[in-house]
PDB file of N, CA and C in Angstrom:
ATOM      1  N   MET A   1     168.417 126.482 118.912  1.00  0.00           N
ATOM      2  CA  MET A   1     167.209 126.912 119.585  1.00  0.00           C
ATOM      3  C   MET A   1     166.687 125.757 120.442  1.00  0.00           C
ATOM      4  N   ASN A   2     166.342 126.070 121.663  1.00  0.00           N
ATOM      5  CA  ASN A   2     165.741 125.102 122.571  1.00  0.00           C
ATOM      6  C   ASN A   2     164.234 125.303 122.584  1.00  0.00           C
ATOM      7  N   VAL A   3     163.503 124.192 122.590  1.00  0.00           N
ATOM      8  CA  VAL A   3     162.043 124.232 122.630  1.00  0.00           C
ATOM      9  C   VAL A   3     161.565 123.228 123.677  1.00  0.00           C
ATOM     10  N   GLU A   4     160.598 123.654 124.478  1.00  0.00           N
ATOM     11  CA  GLU A   4     159.961 122.761 125.454  1.00  0.00           C
ATOM     12  C   GLU A   4     158.458 122.924 125.306  1.00  0.00           C
ATOM     13  N   VAL A   5     157.733 121.819 125.402  1.00  0.00           N
ATOM     14  CA  VAL A   5     156.281 121.833 125.241  1.00  0.00           C
ATOM     15  C   VAL A   5     155.653 121.327 126.532  1.00  0.00           C
ATOM     16  N   PHE A   6     154.648 122.066 126.998  1.00  0.00           N
ATOM     17  CA  PHE A   6     153.978 121.754 128.257  1.00  0.00           C
ATOM     18  C   PHE A   6     152.492 121.521 128.027  1.00  0.00           C
ATOM     19  N   LYS A   7     151.945 120.565 128.750  1.00  0.00           N
ATOM     20  CA  LYS A   7     150.499 120.378 128.834  1.00  0.00           C
ATOM     21  C   LYS A   7     150.017 121.282 129.963  1.00  0.00           C
ATOM     22  N   THR A   8     148.903 122.017 129.739  1.00  0.00           N
ATOM     23  CA  THR A   8     148.399 122.925 130.767  1.00  0.00           C
ATOM     24  C   THR A   8     146.890 122.733 130.946  1.00  0.00           C
ATOM     25  N   ASP A   9     146.349 123.459 131.908  1.00  0.00           N
ATOM     26  CA  ASP A   9     144.901 123.466 132.116  1.00  0.00           C
ATOM     27  C   ASP A   9     144.286 124.826 131.773  1.00  0.00           C
ATOM     28  N   VAL A  10     144.963 125.589 130.945  1.00  0.00           N
ATOM     29  CA  VAL A  10     144.482 126.919 130.544  1.00  0.00           C
ATOM     30  C   VAL A  10     143.335 126.740 129.543  1.00  0.00           C
ATOM     31  N   ASN A  11     142.197 127.374 129.822  1.00  0.00           N
ATOM     32  CA  ASN A  11     141.020 127.174 128.975  1.00  0.00           C
ATOM     33  C   ASN A  11     140.558 128.405 128.224  1.00  0.00           C
ATOM     34  N   THR A  12     141.031 129.582 128.596  1.00  0.00           N
ATOM     35  CA  THR A  12     140.553 130.793 127.925  1.00  0.00           C
ATOM     36  C   THR A  12     141.719 131.599 127.374  1.00  0.00           C
ATOM     37  N   ARG A  13     141.451 132.295 126.294  1.00  0.00           N
ATOM     38  CA  ARG A  13     142.475 133.134 125.668  1.00  0.00           C
ATOM     39  C   ARG A  13     142.876 134.255 126.615  1.00  0.00           C
ATOM     40  N   ARG A  14     141.918 134.792 127.367  1.00  0.00           N
ATOM     41  CA  ARG A  14     142.227 135.880 128.307  1.00  0.00           C
ATOM     42  C   ARG A  14     143.248 135.420 129.354  1.00  0.00           C
ATOM     43  N   TYR A  15     143.028 134.244 129.917  1.00  0.00           N
ATOM     44  CA  TYR A  15     143.951 133.693 130.921  1.00  0.00           C
ATOM     45  C   TYR A  15     145.305 133.397 130.275  1.00  0.00           C
ATOM     46  N   ALA A  16     145.283 132.848 129.063  1.00  0.00           N
ATOM     47  CA  ALA A  16     146.526 132.549 128.346  1.00  0.00           C
ATOM     48  C   ALA A  16     147.326 133.831 128.118  1.00  0.00           C
ATOM     49  N   ASN A  17     146.655 134.887 127.692  1.00  0.00           N
ATOM     50  CA  ASN A  17     147.353 136.159 127.449  1.00  0.00           C
ATOM     51  C   ASN A  17     147.941 136.729 128.733  1.00  0.00           C
ATOM     52  N   LYS A  18     147.211 136.609 129.834  1.00  0.00           N
ATOM     53  CA  LYS A  18     147.726 137.071 131.133  1.00  0.00           C
ATOM     54  C   LYS A  18     149.010 136.311 131.491  1.00  0.00           C
ATOM     55  N   LEU A  19     148.966 134.990 131.333  1.00  0.00           N
ATOM     56  CA  LEU A  19     150.154 134.180 131.637  1.00  0.00           C
ATOM     57  C   LEU A  19     151.308 134.508 130.696  1.00  0.00           C
ATOM     58  N   LEU A  20     151.012 134.696 129.412  1.00  0.00           N
ATOM     59  CA  LEU A  20     152.069 135.036 128.451  1.00  0.00           C
ATOM     60  C   LEU A  20     152.746 136.341 128.827  1.00  0.00           C
ATOM     61  N   ASN A  21     151.963 137.335 129.215  1.00  0.00           N
ATOM     62  CA  ASN A  21     152.546 138.607 129.650  1.00  0.00           C
ATOM     63  C   ASN A  21     153.460 138.409 130.848  1.00  0.00           C
ATOM     64  N   GLN A  22     153.028 137.614 131.809  1.00  0.00           N
ATOM     65  CA  GLN A  22     153.836 137.366 133.006  1.00  0.00           C
ATOM     66  C   GLN A  22     155.093 136.566 132.668  1.00  0.00           C
ATOM     67  N   ILE A  23     154.962 135.577 131.787  1.00  0.00           N
ATOM     68  CA  ILE A  23     156.129 134.786 131.376  1.00  0.00           C
ATOM     69  C   ILE A  23     157.154 135.688 130.697  1.00  0.00           C
ATOM     70  N   HIS A  24     156.705 136.527 129.771  1.00  0.00           N
ATOM     71  CA  HIS A  24     157.636 137.382 129.028  1.00  0.00           C
ATOM     72  C   HIS A  24     158.293 138.440 129.913  1.00  0.00           C
ATOM     73  N   LYS A  25     157.604 138.883 130.948  1.00  0.00           N
ATOM     74  CA  LYS A  25     158.215 139.835 131.888  1.00  0.00           C
ATOM     75  C   LYS A  25     159.244 139.156 132.783  1.00  0.00           C
ATOM     76  N   THR A  26     158.953 137.939 133.191  1.00  0.00           N
ATOM     77  CA  THR A  26     159.814 137.225 134.144  1.00  0.00           C
ATOM     78  C   THR A  26     160.972 136.512 133.456  1.00  0.00           C
ATOM     79  N   PHE A  27     160.696 135.909 132.315  1.00  0.00           N
ATOM     80  CA  PHE A  27     161.698 135.133 131.567  1.00  0.00           C
ATOM     81  C   PHE A  27     161.910 135.830 130.228  1.00  0.00           C
ATOM     82  N   LYS A  28     162.662 136.903 130.245  1.00  0.00           N
ATOM     83  CA  LYS A  28     162.815 137.762 129.068  1.00  0.00           C
ATOM     84  C   LYS A  28     163.416 137.037 127.863  1.00  0.00           C
ATOM     85  N   GLN A  29     164.165 135.979 128.105  1.00  0.00           N
ATOM     86  CA  GLN A  29     164.805 135.254 127.014  1.00  0.00           C
ATOM     87  C   GLN A  29     163.867 134.229 126.365  1.00  0.00           C
ATOM     88  N   TYR A  30     162.668 134.022 126.931  1.00  0.00           N
ATOM     89  CA  TYR A  30     161.729 133.029 126.408  1.00  0.00           C
ATOM     90  C   TYR A  30     160.747 133.664 125.431  1.00  0.00           C
ATOM     91  N   ASN A  31     160.408 132.917 124.401  1.00  0.00           N
ATOM     92  CA  ASN A  31     159.309 133.257 123.509  1.00  0.00           C
ATOM     93  C   ASN A  31     158.245 132.190 123.749  1.00  0.00           C
ATOM     94  N   ALA A  32     157.080 132.594 124.230  1.00  0.00           N
ATOM     95  CA  ALA A  32     156.042 131.647 124.633  1.00  0.00           C
ATOM     96  C   ALA A  32     154.778 131.850 123.829  1.00  0.00           C
ATOM     97  N   ASN A  33     154.056 130.744 123.590  1.00  0.00           N
ATOM     98  CA  ASN A  33     152.735 130.832 122.975  1.00  0.00           C
ATOM     99  C   ASN A  33     151.899 129.630 123.388  1.00  0.00           C
ATOM    100  N   PHE A  34     150.592 129.822 123.358  1.00  0.00           N
ATOM    101  CA  PHE A  34     149.647 128.762 123.691  1.00  0.00           C
ATOM    102  C   PHE A  34     148.951 128.269 122.434  1.00  0.00           C
ATOM    103  N   ASP A  35     148.624 126.988 122.417  1.00  0.00           N
ATOM    104  CA  ASP A  35     147.740 126.399 121.421  1.00  0.00           C
ATOM    105  C   ASP A  35     146.547 125.833 122.191  1.00  0.00           C
ATOM    106  N   LEU A  36     145.534 126.660 122.367  1.00  0.00           N
ATOM    107  CA  LEU A  36     144.371 126.257 123.153  1.00  0.00           C
ATOM    108  C   LEU A  36     143.438 125.339 122.375  1.00  0.00           C
ATOM    109  N   ASP A  37     143.643 125.209 121.068  1.00  0.00           N
ATOM    110  CA  ASP A  37     142.836 124.288 120.268  1.00  0.00           C
ATOM    111  C   ASP A  37     143.289 122.844 120.446  1.00  0.00           C
ATOM    112  N   ASP A  38     144.516 122.646 120.883  1.00  0.00           N
ATOM    113  CA  ASP A  38     145.036 121.309 121.148  1.00  0.00           C
ATOM    114  C   ASP A  38     144.369 120.752 122.407  1.00  0.00           C
ATOM    115  N   CYS A  39     144.127 119.453 122.444  1.00  0.00           N
ATOM    116  CA  CYS A  39     143.465 118.847 123.602  1.00  0.00           C
ATOM    117  C   CYS A  39     144.279 118.995 124.880  1.00  0.00           C
ATOM    118  N   ASP A  40     145.592 119.174 124.772  1.00  0.00           N
ATOM    119  CA  ASP A  40     146.459 119.336 125.945  1.00  0.00           C
ATOM    120  C   ASP A  40     146.698 120.798 126.311  1.00  0.00           C
ATOM    121  N   LYS A  41     146.035 121.735 125.612  1.00  0.00           N
ATOM    122  CA  LYS A  41     146.182 123.172 125.895  1.00  0.00           C
ATOM    123  C   LYS A  41     147.671 123.539 125.976  1.00  0.00           C
ATOM    124  N   ILE A  42     148.358 123.286 124.891  1.00  0.00           N
ATOM    125  CA  ILE A  42     149.817 123.354 124.796  1.00  0.00           C
ATOM    126  C   ILE A  42     150.373 124.746 125.070  1.00  0.00           C
ATOM    127  N   LEU A  43     151.431 124.782 125.858  1.00  0.00           N
ATOM    128  CA  LEU A  43     152.274 125.970 126.021  1.00  0.00           C
ATOM    129  C   LEU A  43     153.632 125.617 125.441  1.00  0.00           C
ATOM    130  N   ARG A  44     154.063 126.376 124.420  1.00  0.00           N
ATOM    131  CA  ARG A  44     155.381 126.171 123.818  1.00  0.00           C
ATOM    132  C   ARG A  44     156.303 127.289 124.268  1.00  0.00           C
ATOM    133  N   ILE A  45     157.484 126.895 124.678  1.00  0.00           N
ATOM    134  CA  ILE A  45     158.511 127.851 125.073  1.00  0.00           C
ATOM    135  C   ILE A  45     159.717 127.646 124.154  1.00  0.00           C
ATOM    136  N   GLN A  46     160.191 128.741 123.564  1.00  0.00           N
ATOM    137  CA  GLN A  46     161.405 128.718 122.760  1.00  0.00           C
ATOM    138  C   GLN A  46     162.417 129.646 123.396  1.00  0.00           C
ATOM    139  N   CYS A  47     163.682 129.249 123.300  1.00  0.00           N
ATOM    140  CA  CYS A  47     164.747 130.067 123.857  1.00  0.00           C
ATOM    141  C   CYS A  47     165.998 129.880 123.004  1.00  0.00           C
ATOM    142  N   ASN A  48     166.544 130.979 122.540  1.00  0.00           N
ATOM    143  CA  ASN A  48     167.764 130.935 121.724  1.00  0.00           C
ATOM    144  C   ASN A  48     169.029 131.021 122.559  1.00  0.00           C
ATOM    145  N   GLU A  49     168.934 131.595 123.743  1.00  0.00           N
ATOM    146  CA  GLU A  49     170.129 131.954 124.500  1.00  0.00           C
ATOM    147  C   GLU A  49     170.532 130.965 125.583  1.00  0.00           C
ATOM    148  N   ASP A  50     169.606 130.182 126.082  1.00  0.00           N
ATOM    149  CA  ASP A  50     169.876 129.397 127.281  1.00  0.00           C
ATOM    150  C   ASP A  50     169.020 128.141 127.252  1.00  0.00           C
ATOM    151  N   ILE A  51     169.279 127.238 128.193  1.00  0.00           N
ATOM    152  CA  ILE A  51     168.390 126.096 128.335  1.00  0.00           C
ATOM    153  C   ILE A  51     167.097 126.549 129.006  1.00  0.00           C
ATOM    154  N   ILE A  52     166.035 125.837 128.735  1.00  0.00           N
ATOM    155  CA  ILE A  52     164.742 126.160 129.328  1.00  0.00           C
ATOM    156  C   ILE A  52     164.657 125.461 130.675  1.00  0.00           C
ATOM    157  N   LYS A  53     164.416 126.234 131.704  1.00  0.00           N
ATOM    158  CA  LYS A  53     164.347 125.704 133.067  1.00  0.00           C
ATOM    159  C   LYS A  53     162.909 125.283 133.358  1.00  0.00           C
ATOM    160  N   SER A  54     162.589 124.050 132.965  1.00  0.00           N
ATOM    161  CA  SER A  54     161.221 123.552 133.030  1.00  0.00           C
ATOM    162  C   SER A  54     160.660 123.577 134.443  1.00  0.00           C
ATOM    163  N   GLY A  55     161.431 123.123 135.404  1.00  0.00           N
ATOM    164  CA  GLY A  55     160.964 123.096 136.787  1.00  0.00           C
ATOM    165  C   GLY A  55     160.652 124.478 137.318  1.00  0.00           C
ATOM    166  N   THR A  56     161.500 125.427 137.003  1.00  0.00           N
ATOM    167  CA  THR A  56     161.281 126.813 137.431  1.00  0.00           C
ATOM    168  C   THR A  56     160.021 127.376 136.789  1.00  0.00           C
ATOM    169  N   LEU A  57     159.840 127.101 135.500  1.00  0.00           N
ATOM    170  CA  LEU A  57     158.661 127.596 134.800  1.00  0.00           C
ATOM    171  C   LEU A  57     157.385 126.942 135.340  1.00  0.00           C
ATOM    172  N   ILE A  58     157.418 125.646 135.598  1.00  0.00           N
ATOM    173  CA  ILE A  58     156.251 124.950 136.155  1.00  0.00           C
ATOM    174  C   ILE A  58     155.892 125.542 137.513  1.00  0.00           C
ATOM    175  N   SER A  59     156.865 125.778 138.359  1.00  0.00           N
ATOM    176  CA  SER A  59     156.611 126.395 139.669  1.00  0.00           C
ATOM    177  C   SER A  59     156.023 127.788 139.505  1.00  0.00           C
ATOM    178  N   PHE A  60     156.569 128.567 138.577  1.00  0.00           N
ATOM    179  CA  PHE A  60     156.068 129.903 138.298  1.00  0.00           C
ATOM    180  C   PHE A  60     154.594 129.844 137.876  1.00  0.00           C
ATOM    181  N   LEU A  61     154.266 128.909 136.987  1.00  0.00           N
ATOM    182  CA  LEU A  61     152.887 128.775 136.524  1.00  0.00           C
ATOM    183  C   LEU A  61     151.961 128.348 137.656  1.00  0.00           C
ATOM    184  N   GLN A  62     152.424 127.449 138.523  1.00  0.00           N
ATOM    185  CA  GLN A  62     151.612 127.008 139.661  1.00  0.00           C
ATOM    186  C   GLN A  62     151.285 128.172 140.585  1.00  0.00           C
ATOM    187  N   VAL A  63     152.259 129.022 140.840  1.00  0.00           N
ATOM    188  CA  VAL A  63     152.031 130.204 141.668  1.00  0.00           C
ATOM    189  C   VAL A  63     150.960 131.096 141.045  1.00  0.00           C
ATOM    190  N   ASN A  64     150.888 131.074 139.716  1.00  0.00           N
ATOM    191  CA  ASN A  64     149.903 131.885 138.996  1.00  0.00           C
ATOM    192  C   ASN A  64     148.632 131.106 138.679  1.00  0.00           C
ATOM    193  N   GLY A  65     148.417 129.988 139.371  1.00  0.00           N
ATOM    194  CA  GLY A  65     147.172 129.246 139.278  1.00  0.00           C
ATOM    195  C   GLY A  65     147.030 128.310 138.099  1.00  0.00           C
ATOM    196  N   CYS A  66     148.132 127.954 137.489  1.00  0.00           N
ATOM    197  CA  CYS A  66     148.090 127.112 136.287  1.00  0.00           C
ATOM    198  C   CYS A  66     148.804 125.800 136.523  1.00  0.00           C
ATOM    199  N   PHE A  67     148.148 124.696 136.186  1.00  0.00           N
ATOM    200  CA  PHE A  67     148.805 123.386 136.161  1.00  0.00           C
ATOM    201  C   PHE A  67     149.588 123.260 134.867  1.00  0.00           C
ATOM    202  N   ALA A  68     150.795 122.721 134.936  1.00  0.00           N
ATOM    203  CA  ALA A  68     151.590 122.465 133.729  1.00  0.00           C
ATOM    204  C   ALA A  68     152.512 121.284 133.978  1.00  0.00           C
ATOM    205  N   GLU A  69     152.737 120.522 132.929  1.00  0.00           N
ATOM    206  CA  GLU A  69     153.717 119.432 132.976  1.00  0.00           C
ATOM    207  C   GLU A  69     154.371 119.313 131.604  1.00  0.00           C
ATOM    208  N   VAL A  70     155.613 118.881 131.590  1.00  0.00           N
ATOM    209  CA  VAL A  70     156.352 118.723 130.337  1.00  0.00           C
ATOM    210  C   VAL A  70     155.762 117.551 129.572  1.00  0.00           C
ATOM    211  N   LEU A  71     155.514 117.775 128.301  1.00  0.00           N
ATOM    212  CA  LEU A  71     155.089 116.683 127.430  1.00  0.00           C
ATOM    213  C   LEU A  71     156.329 115.986 126.884  1.00  0.00           C
ATOM    214  N   PRO A  72     156.368 114.675 126.958  1.00  0.00           N
ATOM    215  CA  PRO A  72     157.546 113.965 126.445  1.00  0.00           C
ATOM    216  C   PRO A  72     157.667 114.140 124.933  1.00  0.00           C
ATOM    217  N   GLY A  73     158.906 114.264 124.482  1.00  0.00           N
ATOM    218  CA  GLY A  73     159.172 114.481 123.059  1.00  0.00           C
ATOM    219  C   GLY A  73     159.037 113.249 122.285  1.00  0.00           C
TER     220      GLY A  73
END
């Protein structure tokens, strides 16, 4: 299983849910969730089938009005 963790600027559960719906429609192989209680407003992406394309996902989020960057492991 591949896992990538992103720092985001998502502040509301409503916005997080909207982004999660869009992520799951666009990247069907990804399982995504937010931890908005974390100071970095974490977005976790898990994928069993493929590598996680961080750059593609970051660009996708930017188009949808969200800042995101990979958190170093």
